[in-house]
PDB file of all heavy atoms in Angstrom:
ATOM      1  N   ALA A   1      12.572   2.317  -0.526  1.00  0.00           N
ATOM      2  CA  ALA A   1      11.466   2.810   0.394  1.00  0.00           C
ATOM      3  C   ALA A   1      10.601   3.864  -0.418  1.00  0.00           C
ATOM      4  O   ALA A   1       9.438   4.111   0.032  1.00  0.00           O
ATOM      5  CB  ALA A   1      12.078   3.559   1.535  1.00  0.00           C
ATOM      6  N   LEU A   2      11.034   4.486  -1.443  1.00  0.00           N
ATOM      7  CA  LEU A   2      10.322   5.627  -2.066  1.00  0.00           C
ATOM      8  C   LEU A   2       8.933   5.165  -2.586  1.00  0.00           C
ATOM      9  O   LEU A   2       7.918   5.979  -2.293  1.00  0.00           O
ATOM     10  CB  LEU A   2      11.073   6.143  -3.254  1.00  0.00           C
ATOM     11  CG  LEU A   2      12.360   6.915  -2.805  1.00  0.00           C
ATOM     12  CD1 LEU A   2      13.218   7.366  -4.049  1.00  0.00           C
ATOM     13  CD2 LEU A   2      11.980   8.121  -2.046  1.00  0.00           C
ATOM     14  N   PRO A   3       8.700   4.082  -3.250  1.00  0.00           N
ATOM     15  CA  PRO A   3       7.280   3.752  -3.675  1.00  0.00           C
ATOM     16  C   PRO A   3       6.346   3.611  -2.452  1.00  0.00           C
ATOM     17  O   PRO A   3       5.169   4.094  -2.532  1.00  0.00           O
ATOM     18  CB  PRO A   3       7.426   2.390  -4.408  1.00  0.00           C
ATOM     19  CG  PRO A   3       8.875   2.396  -4.833  1.00  0.00           C
ATOM     20  CD  PRO A   3       9.667   3.007  -3.718  1.00  0.00           C
ATOM     21  N   ILE A   4       6.861   3.070  -1.419  1.00  0.00           N
ATOM     22  CA  ILE A   4       6.006   2.880  -0.173  1.00  0.00           C
ATOM     23  C   ILE A   4       5.707   4.254   0.453  1.00  0.00           C
ATOM     24  O   ILE A   4       4.652   4.558   0.815  1.00  0.00           O
ATOM     25  CB  ILE A   4       6.642   1.877   0.770  1.00  0.00           C
ATOM     26  CG1 ILE A   4       7.034   0.630   0.138  1.00  0.00           C
ATOM     27  CG2 ILE A   4       5.667   1.678   2.019  1.00  0.00           C
ATOM     28  CD1 ILE A   4       7.885  -0.291   1.007  1.00  0.00           C
ATOM     29  N   VAL A   5       6.762   5.116   0.515  1.00  0.00           N
ATOM     30  CA  VAL A   5       6.591   6.455   1.070  1.00  0.00           C
ATOM     31  C   VAL A   5       5.594   7.219   0.262  1.00  0.00           C
ATOM     32  O   VAL A   5       4.717   7.912   0.786  1.00  0.00           O
ATOM     33  CB  VAL A   5       8.000   7.169   1.083  1.00  0.00           C
ATOM     34  CG1 VAL A   5       7.835   8.676   1.397  1.00  0.00           C
ATOM     35  CG2 VAL A   5       8.926   6.560   2.089  1.00  0.00           C
ATOM     36  N   ASP A   6       5.748   7.232  -1.099  1.00  0.00           N
ATOM     37  CA  ASP A   6       4.868   7.931  -1.933  1.00  0.00           C
ATOM     38  C   ASP A   6       3.349   7.541  -1.772  1.00  0.00           C
ATOM     39  O   ASP A   6       2.411   8.294  -1.688  1.00  0.00           O
ATOM     40  CB  ASP A   6       5.192   7.740  -3.403  1.00  0.00           C
ATOM     41  CG  ASP A   6       6.475   8.475  -3.793  1.00  0.00           C
ATOM     42  OD1 ASP A   6       6.888   9.411  -2.987  1.00  0.00           O
ATOM     43  OD2 ASP A   6       7.119   8.164  -4.812  1.00  0.00           O
ATOM     44  N   ALA A   7       3.149   6.213  -1.594  1.00  0.00           N
ATOM     45  CA  ALA A   7       1.747   5.756  -1.423  1.00  0.00           C
ATOM     46  C   ALA A   7       1.247   6.079   0.016  1.00  0.00           C
ATOM     47  O   ALA A   7       0.006   6.530   0.092  1.00  0.00           O
ATOM     48  CB  ALA A   7       1.813   4.188  -1.488  1.00  0.00           C
ATOM     49  N   MET A   8       2.042   6.141   0.988  1.00  0.00           N
ATOM     50  CA  MET A   8       1.590   6.479   2.326  1.00  0.00           C
ATOM     51  C   MET A   8       1.346   8.027   2.385  1.00  0.00           C
ATOM     52  O   MET A   8       0.331   8.474   3.025  1.00  0.00           O
ATOM     53  CB  MET A   8       2.619   6.111   3.317  1.00  0.00           C
ATOM     54  CG  MET A   8       2.777   4.632   3.572  1.00  0.00           C
ATOM     55  SD  MET A   8       4.089   4.106   4.697  1.00  0.00           S
ATOM     56  CE  MET A   8       3.437   4.726   6.257  1.00  0.00           C
ATOM     57  N   ARG A   9       2.165   8.838   1.696  1.00  0.00           N
ATOM     58  CA  ARG A   9       1.893  10.260   1.650  1.00  0.00           C
ATOM     59  C   ARG A   9       0.668  10.529   0.935  1.00  0.00           C
ATOM     60  O   ARG A   9      -0.123  11.451   1.282  1.00  0.00           O
ATOM     61  CB  ARG A   9       3.072  10.923   0.995  1.00  0.00           C
ATOM     62  CG  ARG A   9       4.360  10.996   1.948  1.00  0.00           C
ATOM     63  CD  ARG A   9       5.508  11.666   1.183  1.00  0.00           C
ATOM     64  NE  ARG A   9       6.663  11.924   2.116  1.00  0.00           N
ATOM     65  CZ  ARG A   9       7.762  12.309   1.743  1.00  0.00           C
ATOM     66  NH1 ARG A   9       8.100  12.506   0.426  1.00  0.00           N
ATOM     67  NH2 ARG A   9       8.766  12.533   2.617  1.00  0.00           N
ATOM     68  N   ALA A  10       0.334   9.802  -0.132  1.00  0.00           N
ATOM     69  CA  ALA A  10      -0.929  10.117  -0.898  1.00  0.00           C
ATOM     70  C   ALA A  10      -2.127   9.759  -0.037  1.00  0.00           C
ATOM     71  O   ALA A  10      -3.127  10.485  -0.068  1.00  0.00           O
ATOM     72  CB  ALA A  10      -0.873   9.225  -2.171  1.00  0.00           C
ATOM     73  N   GLU A  11      -2.078   8.653   0.717  1.00  0.00           N
ATOM     74  CA  GLU A  11      -3.153   8.324   1.609  1.00  0.00           C
ATOM     75  C   GLU A  11      -3.335   9.344   2.703  1.00  0.00           C
ATOM     76  O   GLU A  11      -4.462   9.799   2.999  1.00  0.00           O
ATOM     77  CB  GLU A  11      -2.859   6.980   2.315  1.00  0.00           C
ATOM     78  CG  GLU A  11      -3.129   5.761   1.478  1.00  0.00           C
ATOM     79  CD  GLU A  11      -4.544   5.514   1.328  1.00  0.00           C
ATOM     80  OE1 GLU A  11      -5.339   5.620   2.317  1.00  0.00           O
ATOM     81  OE2 GLU A  11      -4.919   5.203   0.138  1.00  0.00           O
ATOM     82  N   ALA A  12      -2.214   9.856   3.273  1.00  0.00           N
ATOM     83  CA  ALA A  12      -2.299  10.865   4.376  1.00  0.00           C
ATOM     84  C   ALA A  12      -2.903  12.136   3.764  1.00  0.00           C
ATOM     85  O   ALA A  12      -3.563  12.891   4.491  1.00  0.00           O
ATOM     86  CB  ALA A  12      -0.963  11.058   5.012  1.00  0.00           C
ATOM     87  N   ALA A  13      -2.583  12.526   2.558  1.00  0.00           N
ATOM     88  CA  ALA A  13      -3.098  13.723   1.932  1.00  0.00           C
ATOM     89  C   ALA A  13      -4.524  13.745   1.738  1.00  0.00           C
ATOM     90  O   ALA A  13      -5.196  14.898   1.634  1.00  0.00           O
ATOM     91  CB  ALA A  13      -2.285  14.000   0.644  1.00  0.00           C
ATOM     92  N   LEU A  14      -5.184  12.565   1.769  1.00  0.00           N
ATOM     93  CA  LEU A  14      -6.637  12.568   1.652  1.00  0.00           C
ATOM     94  C   LEU A  14      -7.361  13.169   2.784  1.00  0.00           C
ATOM     95  O   LEU A  14      -8.464  13.673   2.625  1.00  0.00           O
ATOM     96  CB  LEU A  14      -7.086  11.127   1.388  1.00  0.00           C
ATOM     97  CG  LEU A  14      -6.591  10.442   0.126  1.00  0.00           C
ATOM     98  CD1 LEU A  14      -7.049   8.939   0.093  1.00  0.00           C
ATOM     99  CD2 LEU A  14      -7.053  11.114  -1.097  1.00  0.00           C
ATOM    100  N   ASP A  15      -6.783  13.133   3.993  1.00  0.00           N
ATOM    101  CA  ASP A  15      -7.424  13.691   5.218  1.00  0.00           C
ATOM    102  C   ASP A  15      -6.280  14.016   6.174  1.00  0.00           C
ATOM    103  O   ASP A  15      -5.988  13.334   7.155  1.00  0.00           O
ATOM    104  CB  ASP A  15      -8.347  12.580   5.859  1.00  0.00           C
ATOM    105  CG  ASP A  15      -9.090  13.257   7.052  1.00  0.00           C
ATOM    106  OD1 ASP A  15      -8.916  14.426   7.282  1.00  0.00           O
ATOM    107  OD2 ASP A  15      -9.825  12.475   7.626  1.00  0.00           O
ATOM    108  N   PRO A  16      -5.578  15.176   5.916  1.00  0.00           N
ATOM    109  CA  PRO A  16      -4.455  15.517   6.730  1.00  0.00           C
ATOM    110  C   PRO A  16      -4.699  15.608   8.201  1.00  0.00           C
ATOM    111  O   PRO A  16      -3.845  15.355   9.053  1.00  0.00           O
ATOM    112  CB  PRO A  16      -4.015  16.976   6.177  1.00  0.00           C
ATOM    113  CG  PRO A  16      -4.564  16.883   4.765  1.00  0.00           C
ATOM    114  CD  PRO A  16      -5.831  16.110   4.843  1.00  0.00           C
ATOM    115  N   ALA A  17      -5.900  15.983   8.562  1.00  0.00           N
ATOM    116  CA  ALA A  17      -6.191  16.179   9.998  1.00  0.00           C
ATOM    117  C   ALA A  17      -6.190  14.833  10.681  1.00  0.00           C
ATOM    118  O   ALA A  17      -5.983  14.780  11.996  1.00  0.00           O
ATOM    119  CB  ALA A  17      -7.601  16.751  10.197  1.00  0.00           C
ATOM    120  N   ARG A  18      -6.349  13.746   9.984  1.00  0.00           N
ATOM    121  CA  ARG A  18      -6.272  12.373  10.522  1.00  0.00           C
ATOM    122  C   ARG A  18      -4.980  11.666  10.131  1.00  0.00           C
ATOM    123  O   ARG A  18      -4.953  10.436  10.096  1.00  0.00           O
ATOM    124  CB  ARG A  18      -7.422  11.533  10.038  1.00  0.00           C
ATOM    125  CG  ARG A  18      -8.834  12.145  10.354  1.00  0.00           C
ATOM    126  CD  ARG A  18      -9.087  12.249  11.823  1.00  0.00           C
ATOM    127  NE  ARG A  18      -9.326  10.950  12.407  1.00  0.00           N
ATOM    128  CZ  ARG A  18      -9.593  10.724  13.705  1.00  0.00           C
ATOM    129  NH1 ARG A  18      -9.623  11.820  14.530  1.00  0.00           N
ATOM    130  NH2 ARG A  18      -9.827   9.526  14.200  1.00  0.00           N
ATOM    131  N   ALA A  19      -3.872  12.388   9.909  1.00  0.00           N
ATOM    132  CA  ALA A  19      -2.552  11.853   9.632  1.00  0.00           C
ATOM    133  C   ALA A  19      -1.711  12.095  10.818  1.00  0.00           C
ATOM    134  O   ALA A  19      -1.805  13.061  11.501  1.00  0.00           O
ATOM    135  CB  ALA A  19      -1.996  12.514   8.368  1.00  0.00           C
ATOM    136  N   ILE A  20      -0.815  11.150  11.063  1.00  0.00           N
ATOM    137  CA  ILE A  20       0.181  11.215  12.119  1.00  0.00           C
ATOM    138  C   ILE A  20       1.561  11.057  11.576  1.00  0.00           C
ATOM    139  O   ILE A  20       1.922  10.064  10.971  1.00  0.00           O
ATOM    140  CB  ILE A  20      -0.117  10.267  13.207  1.00  0.00           C
ATOM    141  CG1 ILE A  20       0.882  10.400  14.409  1.00  0.00           C
ATOM    142  CG2 ILE A  20      -0.188   8.775  12.787  1.00  0.00           C
ATOM    143  CD1 ILE A  20       0.559   9.645  15.657  1.00  0.00           C
ATOM    144  N   ALA A  21       2.372  12.107  11.654  1.00  0.00           N
ATOM    145  CA  ALA A  21       3.693  12.117  11.124  1.00  0.00           C
ATOM    146  C   ALA A  21       4.683  11.362  11.953  1.00  0.00           C
ATOM    147  O   ALA A  21       4.645  11.540  13.226  1.00  0.00           O
ATOM    148  CB  ALA A  21       4.127  13.557  10.879  1.00  0.00           C
ATOM    149  N   PHE A  22       5.655  10.706  11.387  1.00  0.00           N
ATOM    150  CA  PHE A  22       6.755  10.011  12.187  1.00  0.00           C
ATOM    151  C   PHE A  22       7.985  10.225  11.362  1.00  0.00           C
ATOM    152  O   PHE A  22       8.017  10.373  10.151  1.00  0.00           O
ATOM    153  CB  PHE A  22       6.385   8.540  12.372  1.00  0.00           C
ATOM    154  CG  PHE A  22       6.350   7.723  11.148  1.00  0.00           C
ATOM    155  CD1 PHE A  22       7.579   7.009  10.738  1.00  0.00           C
ATOM    156  CD2 PHE A  22       5.236   7.539  10.387  1.00  0.00           C
ATOM    157  CE1 PHE A  22       7.557   6.217   9.549  1.00  0.00           C
ATOM    158  CE2 PHE A  22       5.241   6.684   9.269  1.00  0.00           C
ATOM    159  CZ  PHE A  22       6.359   6.113   8.826  1.00  0.00           C
ATOM    160  N   GLN A  23       9.128  10.031  12.126  1.00  0.00           N
ATOM    161  CA  GLN A  23      10.473  10.103  11.459  1.00  0.00           C
ATOM    162  C   GLN A  23      10.892   8.770  11.084  1.00  0.00           C
ATOM    163  O   GLN A  23      10.860   7.762  11.971  1.00  0.00           O
ATOM    164  CB  GLN A  23      11.453  10.761  12.394  1.00  0.00           C
ATOM    165  CG  GLN A  23      12.808  11.028  11.835  1.00  0.00           C
ATOM    166  CD  GLN A  23      13.759   9.731  11.976  1.00  0.00           C
ATOM    167  OE1 GLN A  23      13.644   8.955  12.962  1.00  0.00           O
ATOM    168  NE2 GLN A  23      14.711   9.610  11.065  1.00  0.00           N
ATOM    169  N   GLY A  24      11.297   8.581   9.828  1.00  0.00           N
ATOM    170  CA  GLY A  24      11.818   7.332   9.396  1.00  0.00           C
ATOM    171  C   GLY A  24      11.112   6.806   8.218  1.00  0.00           C
ATOM    172  O   GLY A  24      10.111   7.248   7.697  1.00  0.00           O
ATOM    173  N   SER A  25      11.679   5.683   7.701  1.00  0.00           N
ATOM    174  CA  SER A  25      11.118   4.961   6.547  1.00  0.00           C
ATOM    175  C   SER A  25      10.101   4.081   6.950  1.00  0.00           C
ATOM    176  O   SER A  25       9.916   3.759   8.203  1.00  0.00           O
ATOM    177  CB  SER A  25      12.223   4.233   5.826  1.00  0.00           C
ATOM    178  OG  SER A  25      13.223   4.997   5.260  1.00  0.00           O
ATOM    179  N   PRO A  26       9.070   3.606   6.065  1.00  0.00           N
ATOM    180  CA  PRO A  26       8.116   2.635   6.453  1.00  0.00           C
ATOM    181  C   PRO A  26       8.767   1.348   6.994  1.00  0.00           C
ATOM    182  O   PRO A  26       9.807   0.931   6.526  1.00  0.00           O
ATOM    183  CB  PRO A  26       7.461   2.299   5.071  1.00  0.00           C
ATOM    184  CG  PRO A  26       7.604   3.583   4.273  1.00  0.00           C
ATOM    185  CD  PRO A  26       9.011   4.170   4.742  1.00  0.00           C
ATOM    186  N   GLY A  27       8.175   0.939   8.167  1.00  0.00           N
ATOM    187  CA  GLY A  27       8.780  -0.176   8.852  1.00  0.00           C
ATOM    188  C   GLY A  27       9.604   0.201   9.981  1.00  0.00           C
ATOM    189  O   GLY A  27      10.051  -0.691  10.747  1.00  0.00           O
ATOM    190  N   ALA A  28       9.869   1.461  10.185  1.00  0.00           N
ATOM    191  CA  ALA A  28      10.603   1.887  11.402  1.00  0.00           C
ATOM    192  C   ALA A  28       9.784   1.709  12.682  1.00  0.00           C
ATOM    193  O   ALA A  28       8.600   1.577  12.708  1.00  0.00           O
ATOM    194  CB  ALA A  28      11.050   3.336  11.213  1.00  0.00           C
ATOM    195  N   ASN A  29      10.554   1.719  13.729  1.00  0.00           N
ATOM    196  CA  ASN A  29       9.838   1.679  15.126  1.00  0.00           C
ATOM    197  C   ASN A  29       8.804   2.751  15.282  1.00  0.00           C
ATOM    198  O   ASN A  29       7.752   2.533  15.839  1.00  0.00           O
ATOM    199  CB  ASN A  29      10.825   1.644  16.229  1.00  0.00           C
ATOM    200  CG  ASN A  29      11.508   0.260  16.440  1.00  0.00           C
ATOM    201  OD1 ASN A  29      10.870  -0.755  16.488  1.00  0.00           O
ATOM    202  ND2 ASN A  29      12.859   0.375  16.497  1.00  0.00           N
ATOM    203  N   SER A  30       9.126   3.929  14.792  1.00  0.00           N
ATOM    204  CA  SER A  30       8.147   5.100  14.926  1.00  0.00           C
ATOM    205  C   SER A  30       6.932   4.798  14.037  1.00  0.00           C
ATOM    206  O   SER A  30       5.813   5.213  14.405  1.00  0.00           O
ATOM    207  CB  SER A  30       8.858   6.383  14.463  1.00  0.00           C
ATOM    208  OG  SER A  30       9.858   6.733  15.499  1.00  0.00           O
TER     209      SER A  30
END
């Protein structure tokens, strides 16, 4: 999951105000 997590975190960091945090790995129901 780590490469996908890192890519998603980098995307979210570009505009934190438009990021939505969820608990879990990529692909979780959240």
